[in-house]
Amino acid sequence: NSVCISRDPRPKLPCTLECVLPIEVGVVSVEPRVVSVEL
């Protein structure tokens, strides 16, 4: 993630996607477990 942290207030789109996609995948993979635990 250090690569995505930049002083530029307008991060490059590819860098933003590289940072966001792994987070989205992590959330999607974790949510089912959380739901099953809550149930």
N, C-alpha and C. Protein backbone atom coordinates (compact mmCIF):
# COMPACT_ATOMS: atom_id res chain seq x y z
N ASN A 1 0.83 -1.21 0.00
CA ASN A 1 0.00 0.00 0.00
C ASN A 1 0.86 1.25 0.00
N SER A 2 2.13 1.13 0.38
CA SER A 2 3.01 2.30 0.43
C SER A 2 3.14 2.90 -0.97
N VAL A 3 2.99 2.06 -2.00
CA VAL A 3 3.11 2.58 -3.36
C VAL A 3 1.94 3.50 -3.68
N CYS A 4 0.79 3.22 -3.08
CA CYS A 4 -0.40 4.02 -3.37
C CYS A 4 -0.37 5.34 -2.62
N ILE A 5 0.34 5.38 -1.49
CA ILE A 5 0.40 6.63 -0.72
C ILE A 5 1.30 7.60 -1.47
N SER A 6 0.72 8.69 -1.93
CA SER A 6 1.48 9.67 -2.70
C SER A 6 1.15 11.08 -2.22
N ARG A 7 2.10 11.99 -2.39
CA ARG A 7 1.86 13.38 -1.99
C ARG A 7 0.93 14.07 -2.98
N ASP A 8 0.74 13.44 -4.13
CA ASP A 8 -0.15 14.03 -5.14
C ASP A 8 -1.59 13.89 -4.67
N PRO A 9 -2.31 15.01 -4.49
CA PRO A 9 -3.70 14.95 -4.03
C PRO A 9 -4.59 14.23 -5.03
N ARG A 10 -4.10 14.07 -6.25
CA ARG A 10 -4.87 13.37 -7.28
C ARG A 10 -4.13 12.09 -7.64
N PRO A 11 -4.35 11.01 -6.90
CA PRO A 11 -3.64 9.75 -7.16
C PRO A 11 -3.94 9.23 -8.56
N LYS A 12 -2.99 8.52 -9.11
CA LYS A 12 -3.18 7.96 -10.44
C LYS A 12 -4.29 6.92 -10.39
N LEU A 13 -5.06 6.85 -11.46
CA LEU A 13 -6.19 5.92 -11.50
C LEU A 13 -5.73 4.47 -11.32
N PRO A 14 -4.71 4.01 -12.06
CA PRO A 14 -4.27 2.62 -11.88
C PRO A 14 -3.87 2.33 -10.43
N CYS A 15 -3.20 3.29 -9.80
CA CYS A 15 -2.78 3.09 -8.42
C CYS A 15 -4.01 2.98 -7.53
N THR A 16 -5.01 3.83 -7.80
CA THR A 16 -6.22 3.80 -6.99
C THR A 16 -6.92 2.44 -7.14
N LEU A 17 -6.99 1.94 -8.37
CA LEU A 17 -7.64 0.65 -8.59
C LEU A 17 -6.87 -0.46 -7.89
N GLU A 18 -5.55 -0.40 -7.95
CA GLU A 18 -4.74 -1.44 -7.30
C GLU A 18 -4.95 -1.42 -5.80
N CYS A 19 -5.24 -0.23 -5.25
CA CYS A 19 -5.44 -0.12 -3.79
C CYS A 19 -6.85 -0.55 -3.41
N VAL A 20 -7.83 -0.19 -4.26
CA VAL A 20 -9.23 -0.43 -3.91
C VAL A 20 -9.63 -1.88 -4.16
N LEU A 21 -9.21 -2.45 -5.29
CA LEU A 21 -9.64 -3.80 -5.63
C LEU A 21 -9.28 -4.82 -4.55
N PRO A 22 -8.04 -4.86 -4.06
CA PRO A 22 -7.71 -5.83 -3.00
C PRO A 22 -8.59 -5.63 -1.78
N ILE A 23 -8.91 -4.38 -1.45
CA ILE A 23 -9.76 -4.11 -0.28
C ILE A 23 -11.16 -4.67 -0.54
N GLU A 24 -11.69 -4.43 -1.75
CA GLU A 24 -13.03 -4.93 -2.08
C GLU A 24 -13.04 -6.45 -2.01
N VAL A 25 -12.03 -7.09 -2.56
CA VAL A 25 -11.96 -8.56 -2.54
C VAL A 25 -11.90 -9.05 -1.10
N GLY A 26 -11.13 -8.36 -0.26
CA GLY A 26 -11.02 -8.75 1.14
C GLY A 26 -12.36 -8.63 1.85
N VAL A 27 -13.07 -7.54 1.59
CA VAL A 27 -14.38 -7.32 2.24
C VAL A 27 -15.36 -8.40 1.79
N VAL A 28 -15.37 -8.68 0.49
CA VAL A 28 -16.31 -9.69 -0.03
C VAL A 28 -16.01 -11.06 0.56
N SER A 29 -14.73 -11.37 0.76
CA SER A 29 -14.37 -12.69 1.29
C SER A 29 -14.64 -12.77 2.79
N VAL A 30 -14.66 -11.62 3.46
CA VAL A 30 -14.85 -11.63 4.92
C VAL A 30 -16.33 -11.55 5.28
N GLU A 31 -17.11 -10.82 4.49
CA GLU A 31 -18.53 -10.62 4.82
C GLU A 31 -19.28 -11.93 5.04
N PRO A 32 -19.16 -12.92 4.14
CA PRO A 32 -19.90 -14.18 4.36
C PRO A 32 -19.58 -14.81 5.71
N ARG A 33 -18.33 -14.72 6.14
CA ARG A 33 -17.96 -15.31 7.44
C ARG A 33 -18.65 -14.55 8.56
N VAL A 34 -18.67 -13.22 8.45
CA VAL A 34 -19.29 -12.41 9.51
C VAL A 34 -20.78 -12.71 9.58
N VAL A 35 -21.41 -12.81 8.41
CA VAL A 35 -22.85 -13.09 8.38
C VAL A 35 -23.13 -14.45 9.01
N SER A 36 -22.32 -15.45 8.68
CA SER A 36 -22.55 -16.79 9.21
C SER A 36 -22.36 -16.79 10.73
N VAL A 37 -21.43 -15.99 11.22
CA VAL A 37 -21.20 -15.93 12.67
C VAL A 37 -22.38 -15.24 13.34
N GLU A 38 -22.89 -14.16 12.71
CA GLU A 38 -24.02 -13.45 13.31
C GLU A 38 -25.25 -14.34 13.36
N LEU A 39 -25.44 -15.16 12.31
CA LEU A 39 -26.61 -16.04 12.28
C LEU A 39 -26.46 -17.14 13.32
